[in-house]
Amino acid sequence: NPSDWKTGKSVEEIEKIKAAGGFVDLIQWRAHRSYPVGMADDGYV
C-alpha cells in the first residue's frame, strides 16, 4: 500500500526492484558533519 510505510514488500521483491535500478541514489554532503572529515554519505533510498 504505497500510502502506508508499514506495508513493505518481501525481501525478494525489494531485491528485484533494486536489481532493476528502481532506487534513488542519495549522495549527502553535510557542511556540519561531512566537511570536517572530508567525506560525503553515499547511499540510496
All heavy atoms as atom14 arrays in JSON, in Angstrom:
{
  "sequence": "NPSDWKTGKSVEEIEKIKAAGGFVDLIQWRAHRSYPVGMADDGYV",
  "atom14_mask": [
    [1, 1, 1, 1, 1, 1, 1, 1, 0, 0, 0, 0, 0, 0],
    [1, 1, 1, 1, 1, 1, 1, 0, 0, 0, 0, 0, 0, 0],
    [1, 1, 1, 1, 1, 1, 0, 0, 0, 0, 0, 0, 0, 0],
    [1, 1, 1, 1, 1, 1, 1, 1, 0, 0, 0, 0, 0, 0],
    [1, 1, 1, 1, 1, 1, 1, 1, 1, 1, 1, 1, 1, 1],
    [1, 1, 1, 1, 1, 1, 1, 1, 1, 0, 0, 0, 0, 0],
    [1, 1, 1, 1, 1, 1, 1, 0, 0, 0, 0, 0, 0, 0],
    [1, 1, 1, 1, 0, 0, 0, 0, 0, 0, 0, 0, 0, 0],
    [1, 1, 1, 1, 1, 1, 1, 1, 1, 0, 0, 0, 0, 0],
    [1, 1, 1, 1, 1, 1, 0, 0, 0, 0, 0, 0, 0, 0],
    [1, 1, 1, 1, 1, 1, 1, 0, 0, 0, 0, 0, 0, 0],
    [1, 1, 1, 1, 1, 1, 1, 1, 1, 0, 0, 0, 0, 0],
    [1, 1, 1, 1, 1, 1, 1, 1, 1, 0, 0, 0, 0, 0],
    [1, 1, 1, 1, 1, 1, 1, 1, 0, 0, 0, 0, 0, 0],
    [1, 1, 1, 1, 1, 1, 1, 1, 1, 0, 0, 0, 0, 0],
    [1, 1, 1, 1, 1, 1, 1, 1, 1, 0, 0, 0, 0, 0],
    [1, 1, 1, 1, 1, 1, 1, 1, 0, 0, 0, 0, 0, 0],
    [1, 1, 1, 1, 1, 1, 1, 1, 1, 0, 0, 0, 0, 0],
    [1, 1, 1, 1, 1, 0, 0, 0, 0, 0, 0, 0, 0, 0],
    [1, 1, 1, 1, 1, 0, 0, 0, 0, 0, 0, 0, 0, 0],
    [1, 1, 1, 1, 0, 0, 0, 0, 0, 0, 0, 0, 0, 0],
    [1, 1, 1, 1, 0, 0, 0, 0, 0, 0, 0, 0, 0, 0],
    [1, 1, 1, 1, 1, 1, 1, 1, 1, 1, 1, 0, 0, 0],
    [1, 1, 1, 1, 1, 1, 1, 0, 0, 0, 0, 0, 0, 0],
    [1, 1, 1, 1, 1, 1, 1, 1, 0, 0, 0, 0, 0, 0],
    [1, 1, 1, 1, 1, 1, 1, 1, 0, 0, 0, 0, 0, 0],
    [1, 1, 1, 1, 1, 1, 1, 1, 0, 0, 0, 0, 0, 0],
    [1, 1, 1, 1, 1, 1, 1, 1, 1, 0, 0, 0, 0, 0],
    [1, 1, 1, 1, 1, 1, 1, 1, 1, 1, 1, 1, 1, 1],
    [1, 1, 1, 1, 1, 1, 1, 1, 1, 1, 1, 0, 0, 0],
    [1, 1, 1, 1, 1, 0, 0, 0, 0, 0, 0, 0, 0, 0],
    [1, 1, 1, 1, 1, 1, 1, 1, 1, 1, 0, 0, 0, 0],
    [1, 1, 1, 1, 1, 1, 1, 1, 1, 1, 1, 0, 0, 0],
    [1, 1, 1, 1, 1, 1, 0, 0, 0, 0, 0, 0, 0, 0],
    [1, 1, 1, 1, 1, 1, 1, 1, 1, 1, 1, 1, 0, 0],
    [1, 1, 1, 1, 1, 1, 1, 0, 0, 0, 0, 0, 0, 0],
    [1, 1, 1, 1, 1, 1, 1, 0, 0, 0, 0, 0, 0, 0],
    [1, 1, 1, 1, 0, 0, 0, 0, 0, 0, 0, 0, 0, 0],
    [1, 1, 1, 1, 1, 1, 1, 1, 0, 0, 0, 0, 0, 0],
    [1, 1, 1, 1, 1, 0, 0, 0, 0, 0, 0, 0, 0, 0],
    [1, 1, 1, 1, 1, 1, 1, 1, 0, 0, 0, 0, 0, 0],
    [1, 1, 1, 1, 1, 1, 1, 1, 0, 0, 0, 0, 0, 0],
    [1, 1, 1, 1, 0, 0, 0, 0, 0, 0, 0, 0, 0, 0],
    [1, 1, 1, 1, 1, 1, 1, 1, 1, 1, 1, 1, 0, 0],
    [1, 1, 1, 1, 1, 1, 1, 0, 0, 0, 0, 0, 0, 0]
  ],
  "atom14_positions": [
    [[0.88, -1.17, 0.0], [0.0, 0.0, 0.0], [0.92, 1.22, 0.0], [1.48, 1.57, 1.05], [-0.9, 0.01, 1.24], [-1.75, 1.27, 1.34], [-1.6, 2.2, 0.55], [-2.64, 1.28, 2.3], [0.0, 0.0, 0.0], [0.0, 0.0, 0.0], [0.0, 0.0, 0.0], [0.0, 0.0, 0.0], [0.0, 0.0, 0.0], [0.0, 0.0, 0.0]],
    [[1.11, 1.88, -1.15], [2.06, 2.98, -1.25], [1.84, 4.13, -0.28], [2.74, 4.9, 0.0], [1.89, 3.47, -2.7], [1.35, 2.3, -3.43], [0.49, 1.58, -2.44], [0.0, 0.0, 0.0], [0.0, 0.0, 0.0], [0.0, 0.0, 0.0], [0.0, 0.0, 0.0], [0.0, 0.0, 0.0], [0.0, 0.0, 0.0], [0.0, 0.0, 0.0]],
    [[0.64, 4.22, 0.29], [0.35, 5.3, 1.25], [0.68, 4.92, 2.68], [0.53, 5.73, 3.58], [-1.14, 5.67, 1.17], [-1.46, 6.12, -0.12], [0.0, 0.0, 0.0], [0.0, 0.0, 0.0], [0.0, 0.0, 0.0], [0.0, 0.0, 0.0], [0.0, 0.0, 0.0], [0.0, 0.0, 0.0], [0.0, 0.0, 0.0], [0.0, 0.0, 0.0]],
    [[1.09, 3.67, 2.9], [1.33, 3.19, 4.26], [2.73, 2.6, 4.37], [3.02, 1.54, 3.83], [0.29, 2.13, 4.63], [0.41, 1.65, 6.06], [1.32, 2.1, 6.79], [-0.42, 0.81, 6.47], [0.0, 0.0, 0.0], [0.0, 0.0, 0.0], [0.0, 0.0, 0.0], [0.0, 0.0, 0.0], [0.0, 0.0, 0.0], [0.0, 0.0, 0.0]],
    [[3.63, 3.31, 5.06], [5.03, 2.89, 5.15], [5.19, 1.54, 5.84], [6.21, 0.88, 5.7], [5.87, 3.96, 5.84], [5.62, 4.13, 7.3], [4.7, 4.95, 7.88], [6.29, 3.49, 8.37], [4.74, 4.85, 9.24], [5.73, 3.96, 9.58], [7.32, 2.56, 8.44], [6.15, 3.52, 10.83], [7.74, 2.12, 9.69], [7.16, 2.6, 10.86]],
    [[4.2, 1.08, 6.59], [4.3, -0.18, 7.33], [4.06, -1.41, 6.46], [4.22, -2.52, 6.93], [3.31, -0.18, 8.49], [3.56, 0.89, 9.51], [2.5, 0.81, 10.61], [2.26, 2.16, 11.21], [1.13, 2.16, 12.12], [0.0, 0.0, 0.0], [0.0, 0.0, 0.0], [0.0, 0.0, 0.0], [0.0, 0.0, 0.0], [0.0, 0.0, 0.0]],
    [[3.63, -1.22, 5.22], [3.24, -2.36, 4.38], [4.32, -2.75, 3.39], [4.07, -2.84, 2.19], [1.92, -2.05, 3.62], [2.17, -0.94, 2.74], [0.8, -1.72, 4.57], [0.0, 0.0, 0.0], [0.0, 0.0, 0.0], [0.0, 0.0, 0.0], [0.0, 0.0, 0.0], [0.0, 0.0, 0.0], [0.0, 0.0, 0.0], [0.0, 0.0, 0.0]],
    [[5.51, -2.99, 3.86], [6.64, -3.31, 2.99], [6.47, -4.62, 2.25], [5.87, -5.57, 2.75], [0.0, 0.0, 0.0], [0.0, 0.0, 0.0], [0.0, 0.0, 0.0], [0.0, 0.0, 0.0], [0.0, 0.0, 0.0], [0.0, 0.0, 0.0], [0.0, 0.0, 0.0], [0.0, 0.0, 0.0], [0.0, 0.0, 0.0], [0.0, 0.0, 0.0]],
    [[7.01, -4.64, 1.04], [7.0, -5.86, 0.24], [8.07, -6.82, 0.76], [8.9, -6.47, 1.6], [7.28, -5.52, -1.23], [6.13, -4.78, -1.89], [6.39, -4.53, -3.36], [5.2, -3.85, -4.0], [5.46, -3.52, -5.42], [0.0, 0.0, 0.0], [0.0, 0.0, 0.0], [0.0, 0.0, 0.0], [0.0, 0.0, 0.0], [0.0, 0.0, 0.0]],
    [[8.08, -8.02, 0.24], [9.03, -9.04, 0.7], [10.45, -8.67, 0.3], [10.69, -7.87, -0.61], [8.67, -10.41, 0.09], [8.98, -10.4, -1.3], [0.0, 0.0, 0.0], [0.0, 0.0, 0.0], [0.0, 0.0, 0.0], [0.0, 0.0, 0.0], [0.0, 0.0, 0.0], [0.0, 0.0, 0.0], [0.0, 0.0, 0.0], [0.0, 0.0, 0.0]],
    [[11.41, -9.29, 0.97], [12.82, -9.07, 0.68], [13.11, -9.42, -0.78], [13.84, -8.7, -1.47], [13.71, -9.92, 1.63], [15.16, -9.86, 1.22], [13.54, -9.46, 3.07], [0.0, 0.0, 0.0], [0.0, 0.0, 0.0], [0.0, 0.0, 0.0], [0.0, 0.0, 0.0], [0.0, 0.0, 0.0], [0.0, 0.0, 0.0], [0.0, 0.0, 0.0]],
    [[12.52, -10.49, -1.27], [12.75, -10.91, -2.65], [12.25, -9.85, -3.64], [12.91, -9.55, -4.64], [12.05, -12.25, -2.92], [12.65, -13.42, -2.18], [12.19, -13.5, -0.7], [11.16, -12.87, -0.34], [12.89, -14.16, 0.08], [0.0, 0.0, 0.0], [0.0, 0.0, 0.0], [0.0, 0.0, 0.0], [0.0, 0.0, 0.0], [0.0, 0.0, 0.0]],
    [[11.06, -9.28, -3.36], [10.51, -8.25, -4.24], [11.38, -6.99, -4.22], [11.63, -6.38, -5.26], [9.08, -7.9, -3.82], [8.08, -9.01, -4.09], [6.72, -8.72, -3.5], [6.63, -8.61, -2.25], [5.76, -8.59, -4.27], [0.0, 0.0, 0.0], [0.0, 0.0, 0.0], [0.0, 0.0, 0.0], [0.0, 0.0, 0.0], [0.0, 0.0, 0.0]],
    [[11.88, -6.63, -3.04], [12.74, -5.45, -2.9], [14.04, -5.67, -3.68], [14.53, -4.78, -4.38], [13.05, -5.15, -1.42], [11.77, -4.83, -0.64], [14.08, -4.04, -1.28], [11.05, -3.58, -1.04], [0.0, 0.0, 0.0], [0.0, 0.0, 0.0], [0.0, 0.0, 0.0], [0.0, 0.0, 0.0], [0.0, 0.0, 0.0], [0.0, 0.0, 0.0]],
    [[14.61, -6.86, -3.59], [15.85, -7.18, -4.32], [15.65, -7.06, -5.83], [16.53, -6.57, -6.53], [16.34, -8.58, -3.94], [16.93, -8.64, -2.55], [17.33, -10.04, -2.12], [17.15, -11.0, -2.91], [17.82, -10.19, -1.0], [0.0, 0.0, 0.0], [0.0, 0.0, 0.0], [0.0, 0.0, 0.0], [0.0, 0.0, 0.0], [0.0, 0.0, 0.0]],
    [[14.49, -7.48, -6.32], [14.19, -7.36, -7.76], [14.11, -5.89, -8.17], [14.61, -5.52, -9.23], [12.89, -8.08, -8.09], [13.0, -9.58, -8.08], [11.67, -10.23, -8.41], [11.75, -11.74, -8.29], [10.45, -12.36, -8.52], [0.0, 0.0, 0.0], [0.0, 0.0, 0.0], [0.0, 0.0, 0.0], [0.0, 0.0, 0.0], [0.0, 0.0, 0.0]],
    [[13.47, -5.07, -7.36], [13.36, -3.63, -7.66], [14.74, -3.01, -7.71], [15.06, -2.25, -8.64], [12.46, -2.92, -6.62], [11.02, -3.42, -6.72], [12.52, -1.4, -6.82], [10.12, -2.97, -5.56], [0.0, 0.0, 0.0], [0.0, 0.0, 0.0], [0.0, 0.0, 0.0], [0.0, 0.0, 0.0], [0.0, 0.0, 0.0], [0.0, 0.0, 0.0]],
    [[15.58, -3.35, -6.74], [16.93, -2.78, -6.7], [17.75, -3.24, -7.9], [18.45, -2.45, -8.54], [17.65, -3.14, -5.4], [18.99, -2.43, -5.28], [19.66, -2.67, -3.96], [20.97, -1.89, -3.92], [21.78, -2.25, -2.78], [0.0, 0.0, 0.0], [0.0, 0.0, 0.0], [0.0, 0.0, 0.0], [0.0, 0.0, 0.0], [0.0, 0.0, 0.0]],
    [[17.68, -4.53, -8.22], [18.44, -5.07, -9.35], [18.04, -4.4, -10.66], [18.86, -4.24, -11.57], [18.25, -6.58, -9.44], [0.0, 0.0, 0.0], [0.0, 0.0, 0.0], [0.0, 0.0, 0.0], [0.0, 0.0, 0.0], [0.0, 0.0, 0.0], [0.0, 0.0, 0.0], [0.0, 0.0, 0.0], [0.0, 0.0, 0.0], [0.0, 0.0, 0.0]],
    [[16.78, -3.99, -10.76], [16.29, -3.32, -11.97], [16.61, -1.82, -11.98], [16.24, -1.12, -12.9], [14.79, -3.54, -12.1], [0.0, 0.0, 0.0], [0.0, 0.0, 0.0], [0.0, 0.0, 0.0], [0.0, 0.0, 0.0], [0.0, 0.0, 0.0], [0.0, 0.0, 0.0], [0.0, 0.0, 0.0], [0.0, 0.0, 0.0], [0.0, 0.0, 0.0]],
    [[17.31, -1.34, -10.93], [17.67, 0.08, -10.86], [16.57, 0.96, -10.32], [16.61, 2.18, -10.5], [0.0, 0.0, 0.0], [0.0, 0.0, 0.0], [0.0, 0.0, 0.0], [0.0, 0.0, 0.0], [0.0, 0.0, 0.0], [0.0, 0.0, 0.0], [0.0, 0.0, 0.0], [0.0, 0.0, 0.0], [0.0, 0.0, 0.0], [0.0, 0.0, 0.0]],
    [[15.6, 0.38, -9.65], [14.46, 1.14, -9.14], [14.71, 1.74, -7.77], [13.98, 1.47, -6.83], [0.0, 0.0, 0.0], [0.0, 0.0, 0.0], [0.0, 0.0, 0.0], [0.0, 0.0, 0.0], [0.0, 0.0, 0.0], [0.0, 0.0, 0.0], [0.0, 0.0, 0.0], [0.0, 0.0, 0.0], [0.0, 0.0, 0.0], [0.0, 0.0, 0.0]],
    [[15.76, 2.53, -7.64], [16.07, 3.2, -6.39], [16.57, 4.6, -6.69], [16.88, 4.92, -7.84], [17.11, 2.42, -5.57], [18.41, 2.21, -6.29], [19.44, 3.13, -6.16], [18.6, 1.1, -7.09], [20.65, 2.94, -6.82], [19.81, 0.91, -7.76], [20.83, 1.83, -7.62], [0.0, 0.0, 0.0], [0.0, 0.0, 0.0], [0.0, 0.0, 0.0]],
    [[16.65, 5.44, -5.68], [17.16, 6.79, -5.83], [18.55, 6.84, -5.2], [18.71, 6.53, -4.02], [16.24, 7.82, -5.13], [16.84, 9.21, -5.18], [14.86, 7.81, -5.76], [0.0, 0.0, 0.0], [0.0, 0.0, 0.0], [0.0, 0.0, 0.0], [0.0, 0.0, 0.0], [0.0, 0.0, 0.0], [0.0, 0.0, 0.0], [0.0, 0.0, 0.0]],
    [[19.55, 7.21, -6.0], [20.91, 7.38, -5.48], [20.9, 8.62, -4.59], [20.32, 9.65, -4.96], [21.9, 7.54, -6.62], [23.32, 7.19, -6.22], [23.49, 6.45, -5.23], [24.24, 7.63, -6.91], [0.0, 0.0, 0.0], [0.0, 0.0, 0.0], [0.0, 0.0, 0.0], [0.0, 0.0, 0.0], [0.0, 0.0, 0.0], [0.0, 0.0, 0.0]],
    [[21.52, 8.53, -3.44], [21.47, 9.63, -2.47], [22.87, 9.94, -1.97], [23.43, 9.21, -1.17], [20.56, 9.26, -1.29], [20.4, 10.29, -0.19], [19.71, 11.54, -0.72], [19.59, 9.7, 0.96], [0.0, 0.0, 0.0], [0.0, 0.0, 0.0], [0.0, 0.0, 0.0], [0.0, 0.0, 0.0], [0.0, 0.0, 0.0], [0.0, 0.0, 0.0]],
    [[23.45, 11.02, -2.48], [24.75, 11.49, -2.02], [24.48, 12.71, -1.14], [23.84, 13.66, -1.58], [25.66, 11.9, -3.2], [25.8, 10.75, -4.2], [27.02, 12.37, -2.69], [26.45, 9.51, -3.68], [0.0, 0.0, 0.0], [0.0, 0.0, 0.0], [0.0, 0.0, 0.0], [0.0, 0.0, 0.0], [0.0, 0.0, 0.0], [0.0, 0.0, 0.0]],
    [[24.95, 12.66, 0.09], [24.72, 13.77, 1.02], [26.04, 14.33, 1.51], [26.85, 13.62, 2.08], [23.91, 13.31, 2.23], [22.52, 12.87, 1.9], [21.78, 12.47, 3.15], [21.71, 13.2, 4.13], [21.21, 11.28, 3.13], [0.0, 0.0, 0.0], [0.0, 0.0, 0.0], [0.0, 0.0, 0.0], [0.0, 0.0, 0.0], [0.0, 0.0, 0.0]],
    [[26.24, 15.61, 1.26], [27.37, 16.33, 1.82], [26.8, 17.24, 2.88], [25.94, 18.07, 2.61], [28.09, 17.15, 0.76], [29.26, 17.9, 1.3], [30.51, 17.42, 1.47], [29.29, 19.26, 1.75], [31.33, 18.39, 1.99], [30.59, 19.53, 2.18], [28.33, 20.27, 1.85], [30.97, 20.76, 2.68], [28.71, 21.5, 2.36], [30.03, 21.73, 2.76]],
    [[27.23, 17.06, 4.09], [26.7, 17.83, 5.22], [27.78, 18.75, 5.73], [28.81, 18.29, 6.24], [26.23, 16.88, 6.31], [25.15, 15.94, 5.83], [24.85, 14.9, 6.85], [23.84, 13.98, 6.35], [23.56, 12.83, 6.89], [24.19, 12.44, 7.96], [22.64, 12.07, 6.37], [0.0, 0.0, 0.0], [0.0, 0.0, 0.0], [0.0, 0.0, 0.0]],
    [[27.57, 20.03, 5.57], [28.58, 21.01, 5.96], [29.01, 20.82, 7.41], [30.18, 20.95, 7.74], [28.06, 22.43, 5.74], [0.0, 0.0, 0.0], [0.0, 0.0, 0.0], [0.0, 0.0, 0.0], [0.0, 0.0, 0.0], [0.0, 0.0, 0.0], [0.0, 0.0, 0.0], [0.0, 0.0, 0.0], [0.0, 0.0, 0.0], [0.0, 0.0, 0.0]],
    [[28.08, 20.49, 8.25], [28.38, 20.38, 9.67], [29.03, 19.06, 10.04], [29.87, 19.01, 10.93], [27.08, 20.57, 10.45], [27.26, 20.59, 11.93], [27.97, 21.57, 12.58], [26.84, 19.73, 12.88], [27.95, 21.32, 13.88], [27.29, 20.22, 14.09], [0.0, 0.0, 0.0], [0.0, 0.0, 0.0], [0.0, 0.0, 0.0], [0.0, 0.0, 0.0]],
    [[28.66, 17.97, 9.36], [29.16, 16.65, 9.73], [30.15, 16.07, 8.73], [31.11, 15.41, 9.11], [27.99, 15.69, 9.91], [27.04, 16.15, 11.02], [25.88, 15.22, 11.14], [26.27, 14.06, 11.91], [25.49, 13.0, 12.06], [24.32, 12.94, 11.48], [25.9, 11.98, 12.77], [0.0, 0.0, 0.0], [0.0, 0.0, 0.0], [0.0, 0.0, 0.0]],
    [[29.9, 16.24, 7.45], [30.76, 15.64, 6.42], [32.03, 16.43, 6.17], [33.1, 15.86, 6.02], [30.02, 15.53, 5.09], [28.81, 14.85, 5.21], [0.0, 0.0, 0.0], [0.0, 0.0, 0.0], [0.0, 0.0, 0.0], [0.0, 0.0, 0.0], [0.0, 0.0, 0.0], [0.0, 0.0, 0.0], [0.0, 0.0, 0.0], [0.0, 0.0, 0.0]],
    [[31.89, 17.74, 6.08], [33.02, 18.58, 5.71], [34.23, 18.4, 6.63], [35.35, 18.26, 6.14], [32.59, 20.04, 5.67], [33.75, 20.98, 5.42], [34.35, 21.05, 4.16], [34.26, 21.77, 6.44], [35.42, 21.88, 3.94], [35.33, 22.61, 6.22], [35.92, 22.66, 4.97], [36.98, 23.48, 4.76], [0.0, 0.0, 0.0], [0.0, 0.0, 0.0]],
    [[34.05, 18.37, 7.96], [35.23, 18.25, 8.83], [36.08, 17.0, 8.57], [37.27, 17.0, 8.81], [34.65, 18.23, 10.24], [33.35, 18.93, 10.12], [32.83, 18.57, 8.75], [0.0, 0.0, 0.0], [0.0, 0.0, 0.0], [0.0, 0.0, 0.0], [0.0, 0.0, 0.0], [0.0, 0.0, 0.0], [0.0, 0.0, 0.0], [0.0, 0.0, 0.0]],
    [[35.45, 15.94, 8.08], [36.19, 14.71, 7.83], [36.45, 14.48, 6.35], [36.95, 13.43, 5.94], [35.49, 13.47, 8.46], [35.49, 13.57, 9.97], [34.08, 13.3, 7.92], [0.0, 0.0, 0.0], [0.0, 0.0, 0.0], [0.0, 0.0, 0.0], [0.0, 0.0, 0.0], [0.0, 0.0, 0.0], [0.0, 0.0, 0.0], [0.0, 0.0, 0.0]],
    [[36.09, 15.45, 5.5], [36.38, 15.38, 4.08], [35.66, 14.26, 3.35], [36.22, 13.65, 2.45], [0.0, 0.0, 0.0], [0.0, 0.0, 0.0], [0.0, 0.0, 0.0], [0.0, 0.0, 0.0], [0.0, 0.0, 0.0], [0.0, 0.0, 0.0], [0.0, 0.0, 0.0], [0.0, 0.0, 0.0], [0.0, 0.0, 0.0], [0.0, 0.0, 0.0]],
    [[34.44, 13.99, 3.74], [33.69, 12.89, 3.13], [32.26, 13.32, 2.84], [31.84, 14.41, 3.21], [33.69, 11.68, 4.06], [35.06, 11.09, 4.33], [35.0, 9.68, 5.42], [34.54, 8.38, 4.3], [0.0, 0.0, 0.0], [0.0, 0.0, 0.0], [0.0, 0.0, 0.0], [0.0, 0.0, 0.0], [0.0, 0.0, 0.0], [0.0, 0.0, 0.0]],
    [[31.52, 12.43, 2.21], [30.08, 12.59, 2.0], [29.44, 11.22, 2.17], [30.11, 10.19, 2.04], [29.8, 13.12, 0.6], [0.0, 0.0, 0.0], [0.0, 0.0, 0.0], [0.0, 0.0, 0.0], [0.0, 0.0, 0.0], [0.0, 0.0, 0.0], [0.0, 0.0, 0.0], [0.0, 0.0, 0.0], [0.0, 0.0, 0.0], [0.0, 0.0, 0.0]],
    [[28.16, 11.21, 2.49], [27.43, 9.95, 2.59], [27.1, 9.46, 1.19], [26.62, 10.24, 0.36], [26.1, 10.14, 3.33], [26.27, 10.24, 4.82], [27.25, 9.7, 5.35], [25.41, 10.85, 5.47], [0.0, 0.0, 0.0], [0.0, 0.0, 0.0], [0.0, 0.0, 0.0], [0.0, 0.0, 0.0], [0.0, 0.0, 0.0], [0.0, 0.0, 0.0]],
    [[27.33, 8.2, 0.91], [26.95, 7.59, -0.35], [25.89, 6.56, -0.03], [26.17, 5.54, 0.59], [28.17, 6.94, -1.01], [27.84, 6.33, -2.37], [26.75, 6.6, -2.9], [28.68, 5.59, -2.88], [0.0, 0.0, 0.0], [0.0, 0.0, 0.0], [0.0, 0.0, 0.0], [0.0, 0.0, 0.0], [0.0, 0.0, 0.0], [0.0, 0.0, 0.0]],
    [[24.68, 6.85, -0.42], [23.6, 5.94, -0.09], [22.54, 5.89, -1.17], [22.74, 6.34, -2.29], [0.0, 0.0, 0.0], [0.0, 0.0, 0.0], [0.0, 0.0, 0.0], [0.0, 0.0, 0.0], [0.0, 0.0, 0.0], [0.0, 0.0, 0.0], [0.0, 0.0, 0.0], [0.0, 0.0, 0.0], [0.0, 0.0, 0.0], [0.0, 0.0, 0.0]],
    [[21.41, 5.33, -0.79], [20.28, 5.26, -1.71], [19.0, 5.15, -0.9], [19.0, 4.86, 0.3], [20.42, 4.06, -2.66], [20.39, 2.71, -2.0], [19.2, 1.99, -1.88], [21.55, 2.14, -1.48], [19.18, 0.74, -1.28], [21.55, 0.89, -0.88], [20.35, 0.19, -0.79], [20.34, -1.03, -0.18], [0.0, 0.0, 0.0], [0.0, 0.0, 0.0]],
    [[17.87, 5.4, -1.58], [16.56, 5.23, -0.97], [15.83, 4.17, -1.78], [15.73, 4.26, -3.0], [15.75, 6.55, -0.97], [14.35, 6.32, -0.39], [16.48, 7.63, -0.19], [0.0, 0.0, 0.0], [0.0, 0.0, 0.0], [0.0, 0.0, 0.0], [0.0, 0.0, 0.0], [0.0, 0.0, 0.0], [0.0, 0.0, 0.0], [0.0, 0.0, 0.0]]
  ]
}
